[in-house]
Amino acid sequence: MEPAVGTAVSGGRQDFAYDVFARNCPSRGTLEHVTGRWGALTLGALHAGTFRFNELRRRVDGVSEKMLSQTLQALERDGLVHRDARPTNPPRVDYTLTPLGREVAERLLTLIRFMEGRMDDVLESRERYDEARAAAQ
């Protein structure tokens, strides 16, 4: 019998269906890595191909070196990003999406494109909200 989708089956993992709404579910941490500002932008950028660290940092405008490094480490640990370090002089490190990372990035890009396409609506809503708040004060 096949396990239920999202059910851990071996390797010391718990035998339960993953539930991101449960406080201790490991899926929550991965969701945070993927949907946090830098995670989403990094995965979206890497969807375009392989990048070296500084190329990726330029692509993800505004991310600090420290935050990008931490983000890449978390995404690599989660199996979404592959880090290829070559022992050349100077050392060369390339980052690319794993198949799982590509799948996640495609879903994120759908959301990103949707939001970009609806920003006029969002900006109008913000303006109405701010005007109502200012009038109430």
C-alpha atoms as a PDB file:
ATOM      1  CA  MET A   1       0.000   0.000   0.000  1.00  0.00           C
ATOM      2  CA  GLU A   2       1.323   3.441  -0.935  1.00  0.00           C
ATOM      3  CA  PRO A   3       1.657   6.090   1.805  1.00  0.00           C
ATOM      4  CA  ALA A   4      -0.623   9.107   1.700  1.00  0.00           C
ATOM      5  CA  VAL A   5       0.725  12.128  -0.143  1.00  0.00           C
ATOM      6  CA  GLY A   6       2.992  14.068   2.208  1.00  0.00           C
ATOM      7  CA  THR A   7       3.416  11.143   4.600  1.00  0.00           C
ATOM      8  CA  ALA A   8       6.927  10.390   5.827  1.00  0.00           C
ATOM      9  CA  VAL A   9       7.739   6.688   5.600  1.00  0.00           C
ATOM     10  CA  SER A  10      11.313   5.979   6.606  1.00  0.00           C
ATOM     11  CA  GLY A  11      14.796   7.242   7.407  1.00  0.00           C
ATOM     12  CA  GLY A  12      13.977   8.230  10.975  1.00  0.00           C
ATOM     13  CA  ARG A  13      11.186  10.536   9.868  1.00  0.00           C
ATOM     14  CA  GLN A  14       7.876  10.751  11.664  1.00  0.00           C
ATOM     15  CA  ASP A  15       4.962   8.746  10.299  1.00  0.00           C
ATOM     16  CA  PHE A  16       2.346  11.451   9.736  1.00  0.00           C
ATOM     17  CA  ALA A  17       0.994  13.548   6.919  1.00  0.00           C
ATOM     18  CA  TYR A  18       2.849  16.831   6.782  1.00  0.00           C
ATOM     19  CA  ASP A  19       0.733  19.789   7.871  1.00  0.00           C
ATOM     20  CA  VAL A  20       2.276  23.218   7.416  1.00  0.00           C
ATOM     21  CA  PHE A  21      -0.242  24.659   9.882  1.00  0.00           C
ATOM     22  CA  ALA A  22       1.135  22.462  12.677  1.00  0.00           C
ATOM     23  CA  ARG A  23       3.777  24.276  14.718  1.00  0.00           C
ATOM     24  CA  ASN A  24       6.395  21.524  14.631  1.00  0.00           C
ATOM     25  CA  CYS A  25       5.885  20.312  11.077  1.00  0.00           C
ATOM     26  CA  PRO A  26       9.152  20.468   9.090  1.00  0.00           C
ATOM     27  CA  SER A  27       7.259  21.670   6.027  1.00  0.00           C
ATOM     28  CA  ARG A  28       6.724  25.019   7.769  1.00  0.00           C
ATOM     29  CA  GLY A  29      10.449  25.815   7.759  1.00  0.00           C
ATOM     30  CA  THR A  30      10.770  24.972   4.090  1.00  0.00           C
ATOM     31  CA  LEU A  31       7.725  27.088   3.282  1.00  0.00           C
ATOM     32  CA  GLU A  32       9.373  29.985   5.112  1.00  0.00           C
ATOM     33  CA  HIS A  33      12.576  29.507   3.113  1.00  0.00           C
ATOM     34  CA  VAL A  34      10.635  29.463  -0.157  1.00  0.00           C
ATOM     35  CA  THR A  35       8.177  32.278   0.513  1.00  0.00           C
ATOM     36  CA  GLY A  36      10.415  34.672   2.400  1.00  0.00           C
ATOM     37  CA  ARG A  37      11.436  37.733   0.436  1.00  0.00           C
ATOM     38  CA  TRP A  38      14.915  36.545  -0.470  1.00  0.00           C
ATOM     39  CA  GLY A  39      13.993  32.898  -0.977  1.00  0.00           C
ATOM     40  CA  ALA A  40      11.243  33.648  -3.468  1.00  0.00           C
ATOM     41  CA  LEU A  41      13.381  36.145  -5.379  1.00  0.00           C
ATOM     42  CA  THR A  42      16.412  33.837  -5.396  1.00  0.00           C
ATOM     43  CA  LEU A  43      14.401  30.881  -6.675  1.00  0.00           C
ATOM     44  CA  GLY A  44      12.735  33.100  -9.270  1.00  0.00           C
ATOM     45  CA  ALA A  45      16.086  34.428 -10.465  1.00  0.00           C
ATOM     46  CA  LEU A  46      17.657  30.966 -10.617  1.00  0.00           C
ATOM     47  CA  HIS A  47      14.805  29.796 -12.840  1.00  0.00           C
ATOM     48  CA  ALA A  48      16.586  31.686 -15.640  1.00  0.00           C
ATOM     49  CA  GLY A  49      19.665  29.436 -15.346  1.00  0.00           C
ATOM     50  CA  THR A  50      22.968  29.018 -13.551  1.00  0.00           C
ATOM     51  CA  PHE A  51      24.428  31.976 -11.689  1.00  0.00           C
ATOM     52  CA  ARG A  52      27.627  32.705  -9.824  1.00  0.00           C
ATOM     53  CA  PHE A  53      27.142  34.298  -6.410  1.00  0.00           C
ATOM     54  CA  ASN A  54      27.781  37.916  -7.471  1.00  0.00           C
ATOM     55  CA  GLU A  55      25.698  37.538 -10.623  1.00  0.00           C
ATOM     56  CA  LEU A  56      22.829  36.319  -8.488  1.00  0.00           C
ATOM     57  CA  ARG A  57      23.353  39.133  -5.991  1.00  0.00           C
ATOM     58  CA  ARG A  58      23.122  41.691  -8.803  1.00  0.00           C
ATOM     59  CA  ARG A  59      19.986  39.985 -10.162  1.00  0.00           C
ATOM     60  CA  VAL A  60      18.267  39.972  -6.758  1.00  0.00           C
ATOM     61  CA  ASP A  61      18.630  43.700  -6.287  1.00  0.00           C
ATOM     62  CA  GLY A  62      18.874  44.816  -2.667  1.00  0.00           C
ATOM     63  CA  VAL A  63      19.909  41.524  -1.054  1.00  0.00           C
ATOM     64  CA  SER A  64      23.011  41.717   1.118  1.00  0.00           C
ATOM     65  CA  GLU A  65      25.859  39.274   0.696  1.00  0.00           C
ATOM     66  CA  LYS A  66      25.089  37.794   4.116  1.00  0.00           C
ATOM     67  CA  MET A  67      21.365  37.330   3.414  1.00  0.00           C
ATOM     68  CA  LEU A  68      21.985  35.798   0.002  1.00  0.00           C
ATOM     69  CA  SER A  69      24.518  33.401   1.475  1.00  0.00           C
ATOM     70  CA  GLN A  70      22.096  32.359   4.235  1.00  0.00           C
ATOM     71  CA  THR A  71      19.246  32.020   1.752  1.00  0.00           C
ATOM     72  CA  LEU A  72      21.283  29.860  -0.617  1.00  0.00           C
ATOM     73  CA  GLN A  73      22.417  27.628   2.250  1.00  0.00           C
ATOM     74  CA  ALA A  74      18.832  27.120   3.423  1.00  0.00           C
ATOM     75  CA  LEU A  75      17.588  26.402  -0.103  1.00  0.00           C
ATOM     76  CA  GLU A  76      20.488  24.024  -0.718  1.00  0.00           C
ATOM     77  CA  ARG A  77      19.754  22.194   2.539  1.00  0.00           C
ATOM     78  CA  ASP A  78      16.099  21.865   1.511  1.00  0.00           C
ATOM     79  CA  GLY A  79      17.168  20.335  -1.808  1.00  0.00           C
ATOM     80  CA  LEU A  80      15.998  23.227  -3.971  1.00  0.00           C
ATOM     81  CA  VAL A  81      19.364  24.652  -5.021  1.00  0.00           C
ATOM     82  CA  HIS A  82      22.521  22.882  -6.135  1.00  0.00           C
ATOM     83  CA  ARG A  83      25.882  24.459  -5.298  1.00  0.00           C
ATOM     84  CA  ASP A  84      28.717  23.492  -7.637  1.00  0.00           C
ATOM     85  CA  ALA A  85      32.097  24.511  -6.204  1.00  0.00           C
ATOM     86  CA  ARG A  86      35.004  23.998  -8.597  1.00  0.00           C
ATOM     87  CA  PRO A  87      38.561  23.956  -7.241  1.00  0.00           C
ATOM     88  CA  THR A  88      39.956  26.468  -9.700  1.00  0.00           C
ATOM     89  CA  ASN A  89      42.065  29.522  -8.996  1.00  0.00           C
ATOM     90  CA  PRO A  90      40.160  31.620  -8.090  1.00  0.00           C
ATOM     91  CA  PRO A  91      37.504  29.172  -6.905  1.00  0.00           C
ATOM     92  CA  ARG A  92      34.316  29.133  -8.978  1.00  0.00           C
ATOM     93  CA  VAL A  93      30.937  28.448  -7.397  1.00  0.00           C
ATOM     94  CA  ASP A  94      27.803  28.137  -9.493  1.00  0.00           C
ATOM     95  CA  TYR A  95      24.223  27.890  -8.259  1.00  0.00           C
ATOM     96  CA  THR A  96      21.394  26.223 -10.119  1.00  0.00           C
ATOM     97  CA  LEU A  97      17.976  24.847  -9.320  1.00  0.00           C
ATOM     98  CA  THR A  98      17.475  21.170  -8.639  1.00  0.00           C
ATOM     99  CA  PRO A  99      14.473  19.522 -10.335  1.00  0.00           C
ATOM    100  CA  LEU A 100      12.459  20.107  -7.140  1.00  0.00           C
ATOM    101  CA  GLY A 101      13.677  23.708  -7.009  1.00  0.00           C
ATOM    102  CA  ARG A 102      12.638  24.245 -10.634  1.00  0.00           C
ATOM    103  CA  GLU A 103       9.165  22.955  -9.839  1.00  0.00           C
ATOM    104  CA  VAL A 104       8.867  25.298  -6.853  1.00  0.00           C
ATOM    105  CA  ALA A 105      10.247  28.261  -8.843  1.00  0.00           C
ATOM    106  CA  GLU A 106       7.702  27.741 -11.623  1.00  0.00           C
ATOM    107  CA  ARG A 107       4.874  27.952  -9.110  1.00  0.00           C
ATOM    108  CA  LEU A 108       6.404  31.050  -7.516  1.00  0.00           C
ATOM    109  CA  LEU A 109       6.828  32.712 -10.902  1.00  0.00           C
ATOM    110  CA  THR A 110       3.134  32.171 -11.604  1.00  0.00           C
ATOM    111  CA  LEU A 111       2.341  34.075  -8.413  1.00  0.00           C
ATOM    112  CA  ILE A 112       4.990  36.736  -9.125  1.00  0.00           C
ATOM    113  CA  ARG A 113       3.647  37.368 -12.633  1.00  0.00           C
ATOM    114  CA  PHE A 114       0.091  37.482 -11.314  1.00  0.00           C
ATOM    115  CA  MET A 115       1.045  40.083  -8.697  1.00  0.00           C
ATOM    116  CA  GLU A 116       2.971  42.167 -11.214  1.00  0.00           C
ATOM    117  CA  GLY A 117      -0.070  42.107 -13.502  1.00  0.00           C
ATOM    118  CA  ARG A 118      -2.413  43.222 -10.720  1.00  0.00           C
ATOM    119  CA  MET A 119      -0.244  45.935  -9.147  1.00  0.00           C
ATOM    120  CA  ASP A 120      -2.462  48.735 -10.463  1.00  0.00           C
ATOM    121  CA  ASP A 121      -5.318  47.224  -8.422  1.00  0.00           C
ATOM    122  CA  VAL A 122      -3.089  46.864  -5.370  1.00  0.00           C
ATOM    123  CA  LEU A 123      -1.843  50.447  -5.615  1.00  0.00           C
ATOM    124  CA  GLU A 124      -5.396  51.769  -5.995  1.00  0.00           C
ATOM    125  CA  SER A 125      -6.454  49.768  -2.937  1.00  0.00           C
ATOM    126  CA  ARG A 126      -3.539  51.132  -0.929  1.00  0.00           C
ATOM    127  CA  GLU A 127      -4.446  54.663  -1.907  1.00  0.00           C
ATOM    128  CA  ARG A 128      -8.102  54.184  -0.869  1.00  0.00           C
ATOM    129  CA  TYR A 129      -7.018  52.603   2.414  1.00  0.00           C
ATOM    130  CA  ASP A 130      -4.560  55.420   3.210  1.00  0.00           C
ATOM    131  CA  GLU A 131      -7.139  58.095   2.349  1.00  0.00           C
ATOM    132  CA  ALA A 132      -9.745  56.430   4.598  1.00  0.00           C
ATOM    133  CA  ARG A 133      -7.259  56.140   7.468  1.00  0.00           C
ATOM    134  CA  ALA A 134      -6.201  59.778   7.087  1.00  0.00           C
ATOM    135  CA  ALA A 135      -9.858  60.925   7.032  1.00  0.00           C
ATOM    136  CA  ALA A 136     -10.602  58.931  10.196  1.00  0.00           C
ATOM    137  CA  GLN A 137      -7.846  60.670  12.161  1.00  0.00           C
END
